[in-house]
């Protein structure tokens, strides 16, 4: 499926290589490394090679032989560029003391660094970094991207990633990368649709002083092609919504169970508040309403696993997921893949761990990794945008994990379509959603 691309663990790469001529694979890998280095830095004449004893080191040594043949000098001191071929994909845990020292030398060289397959110190199967790790400018990875190049914190060490074809056949992998082609799965309106069948989203939130969150979620749902949006908010907030979201129907929060019947999906939590009354409302909505629901922001506060009557999609950031799992946020940041999988199993539903690499987990399935956006998305309100888009796609009948993955892709691609690259705000992302969805 072109909308989902393979992303390999170390074990999956070993399986892909099984039965092939190892020497031939290494020759192709080494050639790819040498060619990329010469293409990137044609004026680099003095190259330092740090190579370990395994296949990764072998790839680096072959690259150095090719570079010598092309007139480059392989040196120990004052290089113009460095090849990191110390550890490769076999690392588990942290590097040994001597290897950590060499990693420090590489990072301190002050010249461009090309990593072979994956930066040394990064776990290829998880993206975890347990100790010292090379900070590469470019990573030439063989056959296909590794999980550790896509998932933070490992992705932050990789620099630009170039995939080298070394003659292996594509394989199915447990985890997959989301591409922009997933947006082709989002149902488009047909001539038979009306505003309700095109997707009716009920947004529950928007307490006093926090109306912006619910407004962004509502506007995002509309820009993501929902045909109808209702906002259920405290009565004192409704006049604000009359000016912020013209197209939405507004109802007082106490009427929420009267208006839920015509909706096709819920977005619960944006700006709702965390008082006892709000928490009780969240629990009742999730326990009683047989509609798919996105659960975000305040609705995640002190949420406990339960037997829910319909699909639920939780969309926490690292701090919120830490509270849900009883951890520190630093622990979640260090173990993102494991954490989101644990949450999906514990809560029995789809969980989206938001970030530059948004991870979309579902019980018993591999994780979908959506990493298509710009750093400018790191701004207040973009999580509310994601909530609205996800709710719109659920209201159109999409399967929950695919809906969440497609919503992540739409939000991220909107960062490219927005007229503002610097100083981007969440409203800019909302307005760019139609262009992203038109891809």
Protein backbone atom coordinates (compact mmCIF):
# COMPACT_ATOMS: atom_id res chain seq x y z
CA UNK A 1 0.00 0.00 0.00
CA UNK A 2 1.67 3.18 -1.17
CA UNK A 3 -0.09 5.18 1.52
CA UNK A 4 1.89 3.20 4.12
CA UNK A 5 5.58 2.46 3.58
CA UNK A 6 7.65 -0.21 5.34
CA UNK A 7 9.91 0.92 8.18
CA UNK A 8 12.27 -1.77 9.42
CA UNK A 9 13.42 -3.05 12.78
CA UNK A 10 16.86 -4.66 13.06
CA UNK A 11 15.25 -8.11 13.08
CA UNK A 12 13.18 -7.35 9.99
CA UNK A 13 16.32 -6.21 8.18
CA UNK A 14 18.09 -9.44 9.07
CA UNK A 15 15.15 -11.37 7.64
CA UNK A 16 15.24 -9.26 4.46
CA UNK A 17 18.96 -10.01 4.01
CA UNK A 18 18.66 -13.75 4.69
CA UNK A 19 19.68 -15.89 1.71
CA UNK A 20 21.46 -13.07 -0.11
CA UNK A 21 25.15 -12.78 -0.91
CA UNK A 22 26.49 -10.80 2.03
CA UNK A 23 29.61 -9.63 0.20
CA UNK A 24 27.52 -8.32 -2.69
CA UNK A 25 25.21 -6.47 -0.29
CA UNK A 26 28.17 -4.87 1.46
CA UNK A 27 29.73 -3.79 -1.83
CA UNK A 28 26.52 -2.05 -2.84
CA UNK A 29 26.15 -0.48 0.58
CA UNK A 30 29.73 0.78 0.63
CA UNK A 31 29.37 2.19 -2.86
CA UNK A 32 26.19 4.01 -1.86
CA UNK A 33 27.95 5.58 1.13
CA UNK A 34 30.93 6.71 -0.94
CA UNK A 35 28.74 8.14 -3.69
CA UNK A 36 26.58 10.08 -1.25
CA UNK A 37 29.59 11.55 0.52
CA UNK A 38 31.15 12.69 -2.76
CA UNK A 39 27.82 14.12 -3.94
CA UNK A 40 27.18 16.00 -0.70
CA UNK A 41 30.67 17.27 -0.06
CA UNK A 42 32.64 17.22 -3.33
CA UNK A 43 35.41 19.36 -1.84
CA UNK A 44 36.01 17.02 1.12
CA UNK A 45 39.43 15.53 0.41
CA UNK A 46 40.34 14.20 3.86
CA UNK A 47 37.91 11.63 5.23
CA UNK A 48 37.96 10.07 8.72
CA UNK A 49 36.48 6.59 9.04
CA UNK A 50 35.28 5.22 12.37
CA UNK A 51 34.44 1.58 11.72
CA UNK A 52 33.42 -1.23 14.05
CA UNK A 53 34.03 -4.91 13.57
CA UNK A 54 30.64 -5.91 12.18
CA UNK A 55 28.85 -5.57 8.86
CA UNK A 56 28.33 -1.86 9.45
CA UNK A 57 32.06 -1.40 9.78
CA UNK A 58 32.52 -3.48 6.64
CA UNK A 59 30.25 -1.12 4.72
CA UNK A 60 32.36 1.79 5.93
CA UNK A 61 35.64 0.15 4.97
CA UNK A 62 34.39 -0.57 1.46
CA UNK A 63 33.30 3.06 1.19
CA UNK A 64 36.77 4.19 2.24
CA UNK A 65 38.39 2.00 -0.45
CA UNK A 66 36.19 3.58 -3.10
CA UNK A 67 36.94 7.05 -1.78
CA UNK A 68 40.68 6.35 -1.93
CA UNK A 69 40.30 5.23 -5.51
CA UNK A 70 38.60 8.56 -6.23
CA UNK A 71 41.55 10.50 -4.85
CA UNK A 72 40.36 11.07 -1.28
CA UNK A 73 42.66 10.55 1.67
CA UNK A 74 41.59 8.48 4.68
CA UNK A 75 43.00 10.23 7.75
CA UNK A 76 42.95 10.13 11.57
CA UNK A 77 43.34 13.87 12.18
CA UNK A 78 41.78 17.10 10.90
CA UNK A 79 39.28 15.55 8.45
CA UNK A 80 36.94 17.39 6.11
CA UNK A 81 34.18 14.84 6.74
CA UNK A 82 33.58 11.79 8.95
CA UNK A 83 32.01 8.41 8.20
CA UNK A 84 30.31 6.83 11.22
CA UNK A 85 30.31 3.04 10.78
CA UNK A 86 30.80 2.07 14.42
CA UNK A 87 27.69 0.19 15.51
CA UNK A 88 24.91 -0.09 12.93
CA UNK A 89 21.53 -1.67 13.60
CA UNK A 90 22.65 -4.30 16.12
CA UNK A 91 22.92 -1.97 19.12
CA UNK A 92 20.93 -2.78 22.25
CA UNK A 93 21.29 -0.55 25.27
CA UNK A 94 24.08 2.00 25.50
CA UNK A 95 27.47 1.88 23.75
CA UNK A 96 30.52 0.65 25.63
CA UNK A 97 32.93 3.15 27.16
CA UNK A 98 35.48 3.14 24.34
CA UNK A 99 32.75 3.42 21.69
CA UNK A 100 31.20 6.31 23.61
CA UNK A 101 34.56 8.05 23.57
CA UNK A 102 34.77 7.64 19.79
CA UNK A 103 31.24 8.96 19.41
CA UNK A 104 32.31 12.02 21.36
CA UNK A 105 35.24 12.50 18.96
CA UNK A 106 32.91 12.28 15.96
CA UNK A 107 30.49 14.81 17.41
CA UNK A 108 33.33 17.13 18.36
CA UNK A 109 35.11 17.05 15.00
CA UNK A 110 33.27 20.10 13.74
CA UNK A 111 32.86 18.69 10.22
CA UNK A 112 29.99 16.98 8.33
CA UNK A 113 29.16 13.46 9.53
CA UNK A 114 27.68 10.70 7.37
CA UNK A 115 26.23 7.77 9.32
CA UNK A 116 26.08 4.32 7.75
CA UNK A 117 22.58 2.80 8.11
CA UNK A 118 21.86 4.51 11.45
CA UNK A 119 23.80 6.88 13.73
CA UNK A 120 25.83 4.90 16.23
CA UNK A 121 24.10 4.90 19.61
CA UNK A 122 20.56 4.97 18.22
CA UNK A 123 18.45 1.83 18.64
CA UNK A 124 17.36 0.94 15.11
CA UNK A 125 14.22 -0.87 16.28
CA UNK A 126 12.83 1.74 18.68
CA UNK A 127 14.52 5.11 18.20
CA UNK A 128 15.69 5.02 21.82
CA UNK A 129 19.03 6.59 22.74
CA UNK A 130 20.36 5.10 25.97
CA UNK A 131 23.76 6.82 26.01
CA UNK A 132 26.11 8.61 23.65
CA UNK A 133 24.96 8.84 20.03
CA UNK A 134 26.36 10.29 16.83
CA UNK A 135 24.69 13.44 15.57
CA UNK A 136 24.79 12.89 11.82
CA UNK A 137 24.25 15.43 9.08
CA UNK A 138 23.24 12.65 6.67
CA UNK A 139 22.36 9.00 7.18
CA UNK A 140 22.61 6.55 4.28
CA UNK A 141 20.33 3.70 5.27
CA UNK A 142 20.18 0.43 3.39
CA UNK A 143 17.07 -0.95 1.65
CA UNK A 144 14.53 1.02 3.67
CA UNK A 145 14.19 3.43 6.60
CA UNK A 146 14.67 2.01 10.08
CA UNK A 147 12.24 2.60 12.91
CA UNK A 148 14.99 4.41 14.80
CA UNK A 149 15.33 6.96 12.00
CA UNK A 150 11.62 7.78 12.12
CA UNK A 151 10.84 7.73 15.86
CA UNK A 152 12.18 10.29 18.34
CA UNK A 153 14.61 10.74 19.88
CA UNK A 154 16.54 8.74 17.25
CA UNK A 155 15.12 10.78 14.37
CA UNK A 156 16.77 13.89 15.80
CA UNK A 157 20.22 12.32 15.40
CA UNK A 158 19.79 11.18 11.79
CA UNK A 159 20.00 14.42 9.82
CA UNK A 160 18.78 13.95 6.26
CA UNK A 161 18.01 10.33 5.45
CA UNK A 162 18.89 8.80 2.10
CA UNK A 163 17.70 5.27 1.32
CA UNK A 164 20.12 3.15 -0.72
CA UNK A 165 18.84 0.32 -2.92
CA UNK A 166 21.12 -2.67 -2.30
CA UNK A 167 19.08 -5.23 -4.23
CA UNK A 168 16.67 -6.56 -1.60
CA UNK A 169 12.97 -7.22 -2.10
CA UNK A 170 10.43 -5.13 -0.16
CA UNK A 171 8.91 -6.89 2.84
CA UNK A 172 5.95 -6.37 5.12
CA UNK A 173 6.95 -4.70 8.38
CA UNK A 174 5.18 -4.40 11.70
CA UNK A 175 5.34 -0.60 11.79
CA UNK A 176 4.77 1.64 8.79
CA UNK A 177 5.31 5.20 7.67
CA UNK A 178 2.30 7.28 6.65
CA UNK A 179 2.56 9.04 3.27
CA UNK A 180 0.39 11.76 1.79
CA UNK A 181 -1.40 9.11 -0.25
CA UNK A 182 -3.40 8.10 2.83
CA UNK A 183 -5.54 11.18 2.21
CA UNK A 184 -7.01 9.39 -0.82
CA UNK A 185 -8.78 7.15 1.70
CA UNK A 186 -10.77 10.03 3.18
CA UNK A 187 -14.34 9.76 1.84
CA UNK A 188 -15.32 12.63 -0.45
CA UNK A 189 -18.84 13.94 -0.68
CA UNK A 190 -21.05 12.35 -3.28
CA UNK A 191 -24.09 13.90 -4.99
CA UNK A 192 -26.27 11.82 -2.65
CA UNK A 193 -24.79 13.35 0.50
CA UNK A 194 -26.39 16.02 2.61
CA UNK A 195 -24.79 18.06 5.37
CA UNK A 196 -25.44 15.33 7.93
CA UNK A 197 -24.28 12.33 5.92
CA UNK A 198 -21.11 14.23 4.91
CA UNK A 199 -20.14 14.02 8.56
CA UNK A 200 -21.73 15.61 11.64
CA UNK A 201 -19.25 16.37 14.45
CA UNK A 202 -20.26 17.33 17.97
CA UNK A 203 -17.52 19.28 19.78
CA UNK A 204 -17.82 19.30 23.57
CA UNK A 205 -15.72 21.91 25.35
CA UNK A 206 -15.03 25.63 25.36
CA UNK A 207 -15.32 26.76 28.95
CA UNK A 208 -14.86 30.41 29.82
CA UNK A 209 -11.36 31.58 28.97
CA UNK A 210 -10.70 28.46 26.87
CA UNK A 211 -13.09 28.97 23.94
CA UNK A 212 -10.23 29.10 21.45
CA UNK A 213 -9.51 25.37 21.76
CA UNK A 214 -13.07 24.31 20.92
CA UNK A 215 -13.29 26.94 18.19
CA UNK A 216 -10.13 25.62 16.52
CA UNK A 217 -11.37 22.02 16.72
CA UNK A 218 -14.74 23.04 15.24
CA UNK A 219 -13.23 25.07 12.41
CA UNK A 220 -10.77 22.28 11.66
CA UNK A 221 -13.60 19.76 11.43
CA UNK A 222 -15.39 21.99 8.95
CA UNK A 223 -12.23 22.58 6.87
CA UNK A 224 -11.65 18.82 6.91
CA UNK A 225 -14.97 18.56 5.03
CA UNK A 226 -17.40 17.72 7.82
CA UNK A 227 -20.82 18.79 6.63
CA UNK A 228 -22.15 19.90 10.01
CA UNK A 229 -20.59 20.87 13.34
CA UNK A 230 -22.36 21.44 16.63
CA UNK A 231 -20.60 23.01 19.61
CA UNK A 232 -21.86 22.11 23.08
CA UNK A 233 -20.37 24.61 25.51
CA UNK A 234 -21.23 26.39 28.76
CA UNK A 235 -23.92 29.00 28.21
CA UNK A 236 -21.61 31.91 29.06
CA UNK A 237 -19.29 30.87 26.22
CA UNK A 238 -21.89 30.66 23.47
CA UNK A 239 -21.80 34.38 22.50
CA UNK A 240 -18.05 34.03 21.91
CA UNK A 241 -18.59 31.05 19.62
CA UNK A 242 -21.18 33.03 17.65
CA UNK A 243 -18.34 35.26 16.48
CA UNK A 244 -15.52 32.67 16.31
CA UNK A 245 -17.28 29.90 14.37
CA UNK A 246 -20.11 31.27 12.26
CA UNK A 247 -20.96 28.00 10.53
CA UNK A 248 -21.37 25.84 13.66
CA UNK A 249 -24.61 25.32 15.58
CA UNK A 250 -24.23 26.26 19.25
CA UNK A 251 -25.98 24.56 22.15
CA UNK A 252 -25.59 24.88 25.91
CA UNK A 253 -23.58 22.12 27.52
CA UNK A 254 -26.53 20.85 29.53
CA UNK A 255 -28.28 19.95 26.25
CA UNK A 256 -25.43 17.76 25.02
CA UNK A 257 -27.34 14.48 25.37
CA UNK A 258 -30.27 15.95 23.46
CA UNK A 259 -28.15 16.91 20.43
CA UNK A 260 -25.84 13.88 20.33
CA UNK A 261 -28.39 11.75 18.48
CA UNK A 262 -27.80 13.32 15.06
CA UNK A 263 -24.01 13.43 15.35
CA UNK A 264 -21.70 10.84 13.81
CA UNK A 265 -18.62 11.53 15.93
CA UNK A 266 -17.61 13.41 19.06
CA UNK A 267 -14.64 15.61 19.88
CA UNK A 268 -14.51 15.75 23.66
CA UNK A 269 -12.21 17.90 25.75
CA UNK A 270 -10.89 21.03 23.96
CA UNK A 271 -11.10 23.77 26.59
CA UNK A 272 -13.63 21.81 28.64
CA UNK A 273 -12.04 22.30 32.05
CA UNK A 274 -11.07 19.83 34.75
CA UNK A 275 -13.59 20.48 37.52
CA UNK A 276 -15.60 17.61 38.95
CA UNK A 277 -18.66 18.40 36.85
CA UNK A 278 -16.66 18.38 33.62
CA UNK A 279 -14.92 15.13 34.52
CA UNK A 280 -18.26 13.49 35.30
CA UNK A 281 -19.62 14.63 31.94
CA UNK A 282 -16.63 13.16 30.10
CA UNK A 283 -17.03 9.81 31.82
CA UNK A 284 -20.74 9.70 31.07
CA UNK A 285 -20.28 10.65 27.40
CA UNK A 286 -17.62 8.02 26.87
CA UNK A 287 -19.58 5.36 28.75
CA UNK A 288 -22.99 5.96 27.17
CA UNK A 289 -22.65 7.44 23.68
CA UNK A 290 -22.37 4.83 20.94
CA UNK A 291 -20.45 7.06 18.55
CA UNK A 292 -16.73 7.20 17.81
CA UNK A 293 -15.05 9.88 19.86
CA UNK A 294 -11.78 11.79 19.92
CA UNK A 295 -10.67 12.33 23.50
CA UNK A 296 -8.23 15.19 23.95
CA UNK A 297 -6.91 17.82 26.31
CA UNK A 298 -9.01 18.19 29.49
CA UNK A 299 -10.97 15.02 28.74
CA UNK A 300 -7.75 13.04 29.20
CA UNK A 301 -7.30 14.30 32.75
CA UNK A 302 -7.45 11.37 35.20
CA UNK A 303 -8.99 9.17 32.50
CA UNK A 304 -9.08 5.48 33.40
CA UNK A 305 -9.47 2.42 31.14
CA UNK A 306 -13.08 1.33 30.71
CA UNK A 307 -15.36 -0.80 28.55
CA UNK A 308 -16.52 1.77 26.03
CA UNK A 309 -19.47 1.13 23.67
CA UNK A 310 -17.78 2.61 20.58
CA UNK A 311 -14.28 3.43 19.29
CA UNK A 312 -12.27 6.00 21.20
CA UNK A 313 -9.18 7.83 19.92
CA UNK A 314 -6.98 9.36 22.60
CA UNK A 315 -4.65 12.13 21.41
CA UNK A 316 -2.18 12.98 24.21
CA UNK A 317 1.11 14.80 24.04
CA UNK A 318 4.02 13.42 26.07
CA UNK A 319 2.99 15.12 29.31
CA UNK A 320 -0.60 13.90 29.05
CA UNK A 321 0.49 10.36 28.20
CA UNK A 322 2.85 10.42 31.17
CA UNK A 323 -0.09 11.17 33.46
CA UNK A 324 -2.21 8.45 31.86
CA UNK A 325 0.52 5.86 32.41
CA UNK A 326 1.75 7.14 35.76
CA UNK A 327 5.20 8.08 34.44
CA UNK A 328 7.43 11.10 34.04
CA UNK A 329 7.20 12.93 30.72
CA UNK A 330 10.96 12.46 30.25
CA UNK A 331 10.40 8.71 30.35
CA UNK A 332 7.74 8.94 27.65
CA UNK A 333 10.04 11.10 25.50
CA UNK A 334 12.83 8.52 25.82
CA UNK A 335 10.58 5.54 25.01
CA UNK A 336 7.90 6.90 22.70
CA UNK A 337 7.21 3.73 20.73
CA UNK A 338 6.92 1.51 23.81
CA UNK A 339 4.81 4.08 25.64
CA UNK A 340 2.20 4.57 22.93
CA UNK A 341 1.87 0.80 22.45
CA UNK A 342 1.41 0.31 26.17
CA UNK A 343 -1.28 2.98 26.26
CA UNK A 344 -3.18 1.44 23.34
CA UNK A 345 -3.22 -1.95 25.05
CA UNK A 346 -4.12 -0.54 28.47
CA UNK A 347 -7.01 1.61 27.23
CA UNK A 348 -8.11 -0.80 24.50
CA UNK A 349 -8.34 1.90 21.84
CA UNK A 350 -6.37 3.95 19.34
CA UNK A 351 -3.81 6.27 20.94
CA UNK A 352 -2.03 9.06 19.07
CA UNK A 353 1.17 10.26 20.73
CA UNK A 354 1.55 13.70 19.21
CA UNK A 355 4.89 15.11 18.11
CA UNK A 356 7.04 15.68 15.05
CA UNK A 357 6.72 11.92 14.72
CA UNK A 358 3.07 11.37 15.61
CA UNK A 359 2.68 7.71 16.55
CA UNK A 360 -0.72 6.10 15.98
CA UNK A 361 -1.11 2.86 17.93
CA UNK A 362 -4.00 0.40 18.09
CA UNK A 363 -4.30 -2.72 20.26
CA UNK A 364 -2.62 -5.75 18.68
CA UNK A 365 -1.34 -3.86 15.64
CA UNK A 366 1.81 -2.15 14.46
CA UNK A 367 2.26 1.57 14.90
CA UNK A 368 1.67 4.03 12.07
CA UNK A 369 4.26 6.82 12.06
CA UNK A 370 3.23 10.18 10.61
CA UNK A 371 6.18 12.53 10.20
CA UNK A 372 5.30 14.82 7.29
CA UNK A 373 5.11 18.21 8.96
CA UNK A 374 7.32 21.21 9.56
CA UNK A 375 8.74 22.23 12.95
CA UNK A 376 6.43 25.25 12.77
CA UNK A 377 3.60 22.97 13.95
CA UNK A 378 5.06 23.19 17.44
CA UNK A 379 2.71 25.97 18.44
CA UNK A 380 -0.32 26.31 20.67
CA UNK A 381 -3.61 25.05 19.26
CA UNK A 382 -2.36 22.60 16.63
CA UNK A 383 -3.43 19.73 18.86
CA UNK A 384 -6.98 21.11 18.81
CA UNK A 385 -6.77 21.22 15.02
CA UNK A 386 -5.80 17.54 14.99
CA UNK A 387 -8.76 16.75 17.24
CA UNK A 388 -11.19 18.39 14.84
CA UNK A 389 -9.76 16.73 11.74
CA UNK A 390 -9.77 13.30 13.39
CA UNK A 391 -13.39 13.77 14.45
CA UNK A 392 -14.35 14.77 10.91
CA UNK A 393 -12.76 11.65 9.45
CA UNK A 394 -14.42 9.44 12.06
CA UNK A 395 -17.75 11.08 11.22
CA UNK A 396 -17.19 10.09 7.59
CA UNK A 397 -16.93 6.45 8.67
CA UNK A 398 -13.20 5.82 8.53
CA UNK A 399 -11.67 3.03 10.60
CA UNK A 400 -10.25 4.68 13.75
CA UNK A 401 -6.52 4.00 13.33
CA UNK A 402 -6.61 5.02 9.67
CA UNK A 403 -8.73 8.07 10.49
CA UNK A 404 -6.22 9.18 13.09
CA UNK A 405 -3.25 8.54 10.80
CA UNK A 406 -4.93 10.41 7.93
CA UNK A 407 -5.74 13.29 10.28
CA UNK A 408 -2.10 13.50 11.36
CA UNK A 409 -1.06 13.55 7.70
CA UNK A 410 -3.59 16.26 6.83
CA UNK A 411 -2.55 18.49 9.72
CA UNK A 412 1.15 18.00 8.96
CA UNK A 413 0.80 18.60 5.23
CA UNK A 414 -1.19 21.75 5.98
CA UNK A 415 1.98 23.16 7.55
CA UNK A 416 3.54 23.01 4.08
CA UNK A 417 0.48 24.50 2.39
CA UNK A 418 0.08 27.39 4.85
CA UNK A 419 1.15 30.79 3.57
CA UNK A 420 3.13 31.34 6.76
CA UNK A 421 6.26 29.21 7.25
CA UNK A 422 7.52 31.34 10.15
CA UNK A 423 5.22 32.61 12.84
CA UNK A 424 2.68 29.91 11.92
CA UNK A 425 -0.37 29.81 14.21
CA UNK A 426 -3.01 27.15 14.50
CA UNK A 427 -5.56 29.18 12.53
CA UNK A 428 -3.14 29.18 9.58
CA UNK A 429 -3.12 25.39 9.69
CA UNK A 430 -6.93 25.30 9.71
CA UNK A 431 -7.14 27.48 6.62
CA UNK A 432 -4.57 25.37 4.80
CA UNK A 433 -6.40 22.07 5.40
CA UNK A 434 -8.45 22.18 2.16
CA UNK A 435 -5.27 22.57 0.11
CA UNK A 436 -3.64 19.67 1.93
CA UNK A 437 -6.69 17.47 1.41
CA UNK A 438 -6.80 18.38 -2.28
CA UNK A 439 -3.40 16.75 -2.86
